[in-house]
Protein backbone atom coordinates (compact mmCIF):
# COMPACT_ATOMS: atom_id res chain seq x y z
CA MET A 1 0.00 0.00 0.00
CA SER A 2 1.37 3.43 -0.88
CA LEU A 3 1.91 6.23 1.61
CA ARG A 4 -0.46 8.44 -0.35
CA SER A 5 -3.37 5.99 -0.36
CA GLY A 6 -2.86 5.19 3.32
CA LEU A 7 -2.89 8.82 4.37
CA THR A 8 -5.94 9.45 2.19
CA ARG A 9 -7.83 6.72 4.03
CA LEU A 10 -6.79 8.06 7.43
CA PHE A 11 -7.68 11.65 6.66
CA SER A 12 -11.04 10.76 5.17
CA ARG A 13 -11.99 8.77 8.27
CA ARG A 14 -11.03 11.56 10.63
CA ALA A 15 -12.97 13.98 8.46
CA ASP A 16 -16.03 11.76 8.72
CA ALA A 17 -15.63 11.92 12.51
CA GLY A 18 -16.51 15.61 12.32
CA LEU A 19 -13.11 17.29 12.61
CA ARG A 20 -13.73 20.11 10.14
CA LEU A 21 -12.65 23.70 10.11
CA PRO A 22 -15.24 26.01 11.67
CA ARG A 23 -17.26 27.71 8.97
CA GLN A 24 -19.23 30.90 9.23
CA ALA A 25 -22.92 30.15 8.76
CA HIS A 26 -24.71 32.34 6.25
CA SER A 27 -28.42 33.01 6.42
CA VAL A 28 -29.39 33.08 2.75
CA ALA A 29 -32.68 34.33 1.35
CA LEU A 30 -33.62 33.08 -2.12
CA VAL A 31 -35.89 35.27 -4.22
CA GLY A 32 -37.05 34.27 -7.70
CA ALA A 33 -37.49 37.11 -10.18
CA PRO A 34 -39.09 35.55 -13.30
CA LEU A 35 -39.03 38.71 -15.39
CA SER A 36 -38.74 38.49 -19.17
CA ARG A 37 -39.93 41.90 -20.37
CA GLY A 38 -36.46 43.39 -20.68
CA GLN A 39 -35.58 41.33 -23.77
CA LYS A 40 -37.28 39.56 -26.66
CA ARG A 41 -36.47 35.88 -26.17
CA ARG A 42 -39.02 33.63 -24.50
CA GLY A 43 -38.07 31.32 -21.65
CA VAL A 44 -35.87 33.40 -19.35
CA ASP A 45 -38.76 33.64 -16.87
CA ARG A 46 -38.20 29.92 -16.30
CA GLY A 47 -34.69 30.60 -15.06
CA PRO A 48 -35.52 30.56 -11.32
CA ALA A 49 -37.15 27.13 -11.52
CA THR A 50 -34.28 25.78 -13.65
CA VAL A 51 -31.58 26.95 -11.24
CA ARG A 52 -33.48 25.61 -8.23
CA ALA A 53 -33.92 22.25 -9.98
CA ALA A 54 -30.13 22.12 -10.48
CA GLY A 55 -29.74 21.71 -6.72
CA LEU A 56 -29.14 25.24 -5.49
CA VAL A 57 -30.87 24.87 -2.13
CA GLU A 58 -29.17 21.57 -1.40
CA ARG A 59 -25.76 22.93 -2.37
CA LEU A 60 -26.08 25.95 -0.10
CA ALA A 61 -27.37 23.82 2.77
CA GLY A 62 -24.38 21.52 2.29
CA LEU A 63 -22.13 24.53 2.83
CA GLY A 64 -23.75 25.15 6.20
CA CYS A 65 -26.03 27.96 5.03
CA GLN A 66 -29.45 28.46 6.54
CA VAL A 67 -31.56 28.74 3.41
CA HIS A 68 -34.89 30.59 3.32
CA ASP A 69 -36.57 30.20 -0.05
CA PHE A 70 -39.26 32.85 -0.43
CA GLY A 71 -40.39 31.57 -3.81
CA ASP A 72 -40.95 33.68 -6.90
CA LEU A 73 -42.17 37.25 -6.97
CA ASN A 74 -45.31 38.13 -8.89
CA PHE A 75 -44.89 40.85 -11.50
CA THR A 76 -47.82 42.70 -13.01
CA GLN A 77 -47.76 43.68 -16.65
CA VAL A 78 -48.73 47.32 -17.05
CA PRO A 79 -51.34 47.78 -19.81
CA ASN A 80 -50.53 49.99 -22.81
CA ASP A 81 -46.84 49.85 -21.93
CA GLU A 82 -45.53 51.51 -25.07
CA LEU A 83 -41.96 51.65 -26.33
CA TYR A 84 -40.09 54.59 -24.81
CA ASN A 85 -37.94 56.84 -26.97
CA ASN A 86 -37.90 54.16 -29.70
CA LEU A 87 -35.42 52.27 -27.53
CA ILE A 88 -36.69 50.81 -24.26
CA SER A 89 -39.36 48.10 -24.30
CA TYR A 90 -41.98 47.81 -21.55
CA PRO A 91 -40.43 50.48 -19.30
CA ARG A 92 -43.49 50.70 -17.01
CA SER A 93 -43.67 46.94 -16.51
CA VAL A 94 -39.92 46.70 -15.90
CA GLY A 95 -40.06 49.71 -13.54
CA SER A 96 -42.89 48.16 -11.54
CA ALA A 97 -41.07 44.81 -11.35
CA SER A 98 -37.88 46.53 -10.27
CA GLN A 99 -39.72 48.22 -7.42
CA VAL A 100 -41.24 44.91 -6.27
CA LEU A 101 -37.82 43.28 -6.39
CA ALA A 102 -36.08 46.18 -4.66
CA ASP A 103 -38.57 46.02 -1.79
CA ALA A 104 -38.17 42.24 -1.44
CA VAL A 105 -34.37 42.35 -1.40
CA SER A 106 -34.33 45.28 1.00
CA ARG A 107 -36.54 43.38 3.42
CA ALA A 108 -34.34 40.28 3.19
CA VAL A 109 -31.12 42.21 3.81
CA ALA A 110 -32.70 44.21 6.65
CA ALA A 111 -33.70 40.89 8.28
CA GLY A 112 -30.06 39.82 8.34
CA HIS A 113 -30.00 37.56 5.30
CA SER A 114 -27.62 37.55 2.37
CA CYS A 115 -30.02 37.73 -0.56
CA VAL A 116 -29.75 35.64 -3.73
CA THR A 117 -31.99 36.82 -6.56
CA ILE A 118 -32.53 34.32 -9.39
CA GLY A 119 -33.64 35.74 -12.72
CA GLY A 120 -35.19 36.21 -15.07
CA ASP A 121 -33.62 38.76 -17.35
CA HIS A 122 -31.20 41.50 -16.37
CA SER A 123 -33.36 44.53 -17.04
CA ASN A 124 -34.03 45.12 -13.36
CA LEU A 125 -31.89 45.42 -10.25
CA PRO A 126 -32.90 45.72 -6.55
CA TRP A 127 -31.71 49.33 -6.48
CA LYS A 128 -32.64 50.13 -2.88
CA SER A 129 -30.17 47.54 -1.55
CA LEU A 130 -27.16 48.70 -3.56
CA HIS A 131 -24.04 50.03 -1.85
CA LEU A 132 -21.31 48.81 -4.18
CA LEU A 133 -22.08 47.10 -7.47
CA LEU A 134 -19.78 44.55 -9.10
CA MET A 135 -21.06 43.16 -12.37
CA PRO A 136 -19.40 40.35 -14.36
CA VAL A 137 -22.05 40.86 -17.01
CA TRP A 138 -23.14 42.38 -20.23
CA LEU A 139 -23.99 46.05 -20.07
CA TYR A 140 -27.62 47.06 -20.16
CA TYR A 141 -28.52 50.54 -21.32
CA GLN A 142 -31.27 50.97 -18.74
CA GLN A 143 -28.97 49.98 -15.89
CA LEU A 144 -26.26 52.40 -16.86
CA LEU A 145 -28.75 55.24 -17.04
CA PHE A 146 -29.54 54.70 -13.37
CA CYS A 147 -26.07 53.88 -12.12
CA CYS A 148 -24.86 57.34 -11.36
CA ASP A 149 -25.95 60.50 -9.62
CA LYS A 150 -28.81 61.45 -11.95
CA VAL A 151 -31.92 59.41 -12.66
CA PRO A 152 -33.53 60.07 -16.07
CA GLN A 153 -37.23 60.66 -16.45
CA LEU A 154 -38.24 57.18 -17.54
CA PRO A 155 -41.83 55.91 -17.30
CA GLY A 156 -42.24 53.44 -14.45
CA PHE A 157 -39.20 54.57 -12.47
CA SER A 158 -40.48 57.66 -10.65
CA TRP A 159 -40.11 55.77 -7.35
CA LEU A 160 -36.36 55.42 -7.79
CA LYS A 161 -33.86 57.72 -6.11
CA PRO A 162 -30.15 57.95 -7.01
CA CYS A 163 -28.26 55.36 -4.99
CA LEU A 164 -24.84 54.96 -6.61
CA SER A 165 -22.02 57.04 -7.94
CA ALA A 166 -19.72 56.02 -10.77
CA SER A 167 -16.95 55.11 -8.33
CA ASP A 168 -19.25 52.51 -6.72
CA ILE A 169 -19.47 50.37 -9.87
CA VAL A 170 -17.13 47.92 -11.59
CA TYR A 171 -17.92 45.83 -14.65
CA ILE A 172 -15.87 42.68 -15.36
CA GLY A 173 -15.72 40.63 -18.53
CA LEU A 174 -17.21 43.06 -21.05
CA ARG A 175 -17.21 42.32 -24.77
CA ASP A 176 -19.22 43.30 -27.82
CA LEU A 177 -20.39 46.66 -26.43
CA ASP A 178 -23.04 48.78 -28.12
CA PRO A 179 -21.98 52.34 -29.01
CA ALA A 180 -24.35 53.82 -26.41
CA GLU A 181 -22.98 51.52 -23.71
CA TYR A 182 -19.41 52.44 -24.54
CA TYR A 183 -20.29 56.14 -24.54
CA ILE A 184 -21.88 55.95 -21.07
CA LEU A 185 -18.95 54.02 -19.62
CA LYS A 186 -16.54 56.66 -20.83
CA ASN A 187 -18.76 59.69 -20.15
CA TYR A 188 -19.45 58.68 -16.54
CA ASP A 189 -15.93 57.33 -15.98
CA ILE A 190 -17.21 53.93 -14.84
CA GLN A 191 -14.49 51.38 -14.09
CA TYR A 192 -14.62 48.31 -16.30
CA PHE A 193 -12.43 45.41 -17.34
CA SER A 194 -13.02 43.93 -20.76
CA MET A 195 -12.10 40.40 -21.73
CA ARG A 196 -9.01 41.87 -23.35
CA ASP A 197 -8.08 43.43 -19.99
CA ILE A 198 -8.49 40.04 -18.34
CA ASP A 199 -6.22 38.47 -20.96
CA ARG A 200 -3.66 41.23 -20.51
CA LEU A 201 -3.67 41.58 -16.73
CA GLY A 202 -4.87 38.22 -15.50
CA ILE A 203 -7.93 37.72 -13.32
CA GLN A 204 -5.96 38.11 -10.07
CA LYS A 205 -4.81 41.63 -10.97
CA VAL A 206 -8.30 42.50 -12.20
CA MET A 207 -9.81 41.57 -8.84
CA GLU A 208 -7.09 43.44 -6.94
CA ARG A 209 -7.88 46.59 -8.89
CA THR A 210 -11.60 45.98 -8.48
CA PHE A 211 -11.37 45.87 -4.69
CA GLU A 212 -9.06 48.86 -4.64
CA GLN A 213 -11.72 50.76 -6.57
CA LEU A 214 -14.68 49.58 -4.50
CA MET A 215 -13.18 49.32 -1.02
CA GLY A 216 -9.93 51.26 -1.11
CA ARG A 217 -11.34 54.09 1.00
CA ARG A 218 -13.79 52.24 3.22
CA GLN A 219 -15.47 48.88 3.37
CA ARG A 220 -19.10 48.67 2.36
CA PRO A 221 -21.43 45.79 1.44
CA ILE A 222 -20.97 44.40 -2.07
CA HIS A 223 -23.82 43.56 -4.42
CA LEU A 224 -22.70 41.09 -7.11
CA SER A 225 -24.87 41.00 -10.22
CA PHE A 226 -23.80 38.04 -12.34
CA ASP A 227 -25.12 37.45 -15.84
CA ILE A 228 -24.51 33.86 -16.97
CA ASP A 229 -23.80 35.39 -20.43
CA ALA A 230 -20.46 36.52 -19.01
CA PHE A 231 -19.17 32.97 -19.44
CA ASP A 232 -18.03 31.65 -22.78
CA PRO A 233 -20.89 29.89 -24.61
CA SER A 234 -18.90 26.65 -24.53
CA LEU A 235 -19.79 26.64 -20.82
CA ALA A 236 -23.13 28.49 -20.76
CA SER A 237 -25.07 28.08 -23.98
CA ALA A 238 -28.62 28.17 -22.57
CA THR A 239 -28.76 31.94 -22.44
CA GLY A 240 -29.83 34.87 -24.56
CA THR A 241 -26.52 36.42 -25.67
CA PRO A 242 -23.93 33.69 -26.16
CA VAL A 243 -20.88 35.48 -27.63
CA ILE A 244 -17.60 33.65 -28.01
CA GLY A 245 -14.64 34.77 -25.92
CA GLY A 246 -16.23 34.98 -22.47
CA LEU A 247 -15.00 34.04 -19.03
CA THR A 248 -13.50 30.62 -18.42
CA TYR A 249 -14.73 28.48 -15.55
CA ARG A 250 -11.59 29.22 -13.57
CA GLU A 251 -11.93 32.98 -14.07
CA GLY A 252 -15.57 32.96 -13.00
CA MET A 253 -14.88 30.93 -9.89
CA TYR A 254 -11.90 33.10 -8.98
CA ILE A 255 -14.11 36.20 -9.11
CA THR A 256 -16.64 34.76 -6.69
CA GLU A 257 -14.03 33.16 -4.42
CA GLU A 258 -12.34 36.53 -3.98
CA ILE A 259 -15.64 38.27 -3.31
CA HIS A 260 -16.48 35.69 -0.65
CA ASN A 261 -13.07 36.20 0.94
CA THR A 262 -13.81 39.90 1.51
CA GLY A 263 -16.58 38.98 3.94
CA MET A 264 -18.57 41.93 2.55
CA LEU A 265 -20.99 40.22 0.17
CA SER A 266 -24.55 41.37 0.83
CA ALA A 267 -26.52 40.23 -2.22
CA VAL A 268 -26.10 38.22 -5.42
CA ASP A 269 -28.08 38.24 -8.66
CA MET A 270 -27.86 35.27 -11.04
CA VAL A 271 -29.67 36.06 -14.25
CA GLU A 272 -30.28 35.12 -17.89
CA VAL A 273 -30.41 31.34 -17.55
CA ASN A 274 -32.90 30.41 -20.29
CA PRO A 275 -33.82 26.71 -20.56
CA LEU A 276 -35.57 27.22 -23.92
CA LEU A 277 -32.34 28.29 -25.62
CA GLY A 278 -30.21 25.24 -24.93
CA ALA A 279 -29.76 23.02 -27.96
CA SER A 280 -30.18 19.97 -25.72
CA GLN A 281 -31.13 19.10 -22.17
CA GLU A 282 -27.45 18.52 -21.46
CA GLU A 283 -26.68 22.14 -22.39
CA VAL A 284 -29.50 23.39 -20.18
CA ASN A 285 -28.27 21.26 -17.28
CA ALA A 286 -24.68 22.44 -17.77
CA THR A 287 -25.72 26.11 -17.77
CA ALA A 288 -27.89 25.71 -14.68
CA SER A 289 -25.16 23.76 -12.88
CA LEU A 290 -22.69 26.53 -13.67
CA ALA A 291 -25.09 29.06 -12.18
CA VAL A 292 -25.26 26.98 -9.00
CA ASP A 293 -21.46 26.82 -8.86
CA VAL A 294 -21.23 30.62 -9.09
CA ILE A 295 -23.71 31.13 -6.26
CA ALA A 296 -22.23 28.40 -4.06
CA THR A 297 -18.74 29.84 -4.43
CA CYS A 298 -20.08 33.18 -3.22
CA PHE A 299 -20.91 31.41 0.04
CA GLY A 300 -17.74 29.45 0.64
CA GLN A 301 -17.51 26.61 -1.83
CA THR A 302 -13.89 26.21 -2.87
CA ARG A 303 -12.18 24.35 -5.65
CA GLU A 304 -9.83 22.78 -3.08
CA GLY A 305 -12.74 20.75 -1.75
CA ALA A 306 -13.48 19.99 1.90
CA HIS A 307 -11.05 21.32 4.48
CA THR A 308 -10.11 19.26 7.51
CA ALA A 309 -7.95 20.55 10.36
CA PHE A 310 -5.71 18.42 12.55
CA ASP A 311 -3.39 19.53 15.33
CA ASN A 312 -1.18 16.50 14.76
CA LEU A 313 -0.71 13.86 12.09
CA PRO A 314 -3.56 11.36 12.58
CA THR A 315 -2.70 7.82 13.55
CA PRO A 316 -4.93 4.72 13.28
CA SER A 317 -7.01 3.99 16.37
CA SER A 318 -6.20 0.30 15.86
CA PRO A 319 -3.86 -1.69 13.59
CA ASP A 320 -6.87 -2.88 11.60
CA GLU A 321 -8.61 0.48 11.09
CA SER A 322 -8.68 0.30 7.29
CA ASP A 323 -11.22 -1.98 5.67
CA SER A 324 -8.46 -3.77 3.80
CA LYS A 325 -6.39 -4.07 7.00
CA GLU A 326 -3.56 -2.24 5.26
CA GLN A 327 -1.37 0.06 7.31
CA VAL A 328 0.53 3.20 6.38
CA ARG A 329 4.13 2.41 5.63
CA ILE A 330 6.61 5.20 6.09
């Protein structure tokens, strides 16, 4: 028997005995936001059910989280919700849904939970709960309009008050920007890292600069808004905007691992999982499983696996402890 296999057996048995590193318990509120009015493709409103079915609750519970699933929110479609400025579809319906979501997330955070919102599309954000916003996502024109100190006069959003400044926002993983999106980023001096920046700097340096931007002066709660489109479509194909050249699995997990390590995560959005857009059930399952991995890593899941702490090198409690009666030979 090899030293490696013997030690593996010993460590796994001591781990089963309950000798694990203490882990901070998170109280996690799950809120489904099955909104689809912010884009044209059908099926994204089924995202919350798809991500739950991929084992999200069980995964979080396995990490020691206390999970409170509040189900899906009900959104009312506003009648005669006409196109605004020949650009924005269903602004009144999206504005109303955003207010419902903002109230729900605010209540969850005020009750002491970390809130996970499962979309649905990315046309709405729980604005009232925002302190710092980190978005590994595509840009959305409506979001950028509200990001900074001035709120435009948009139908359905009269309830909203300015809540962020440009220095409170970082975008990670941008590619294929629209001209208007690029203009707003530059005009408002919003910090962003494109996929080219990630290639050039590496994801570690990107996250260092991100935290310097967001928390260099003082620590405040972080709201992570994660669009599954940020990943390369080879990983996440069941989504509305699959453009080649997105985040790798390792880059995505590193982002969320580092956010978890700050201890400042307040809320997470996971959006744009669309089960009707996968070419097969396997693609749908892979996209939903990836979404679960992102959320779980926000709450302590690590790629190293389970961690077990020992004060001293474990020794067998009896010569015949292993099932095969093999002993460690050193």
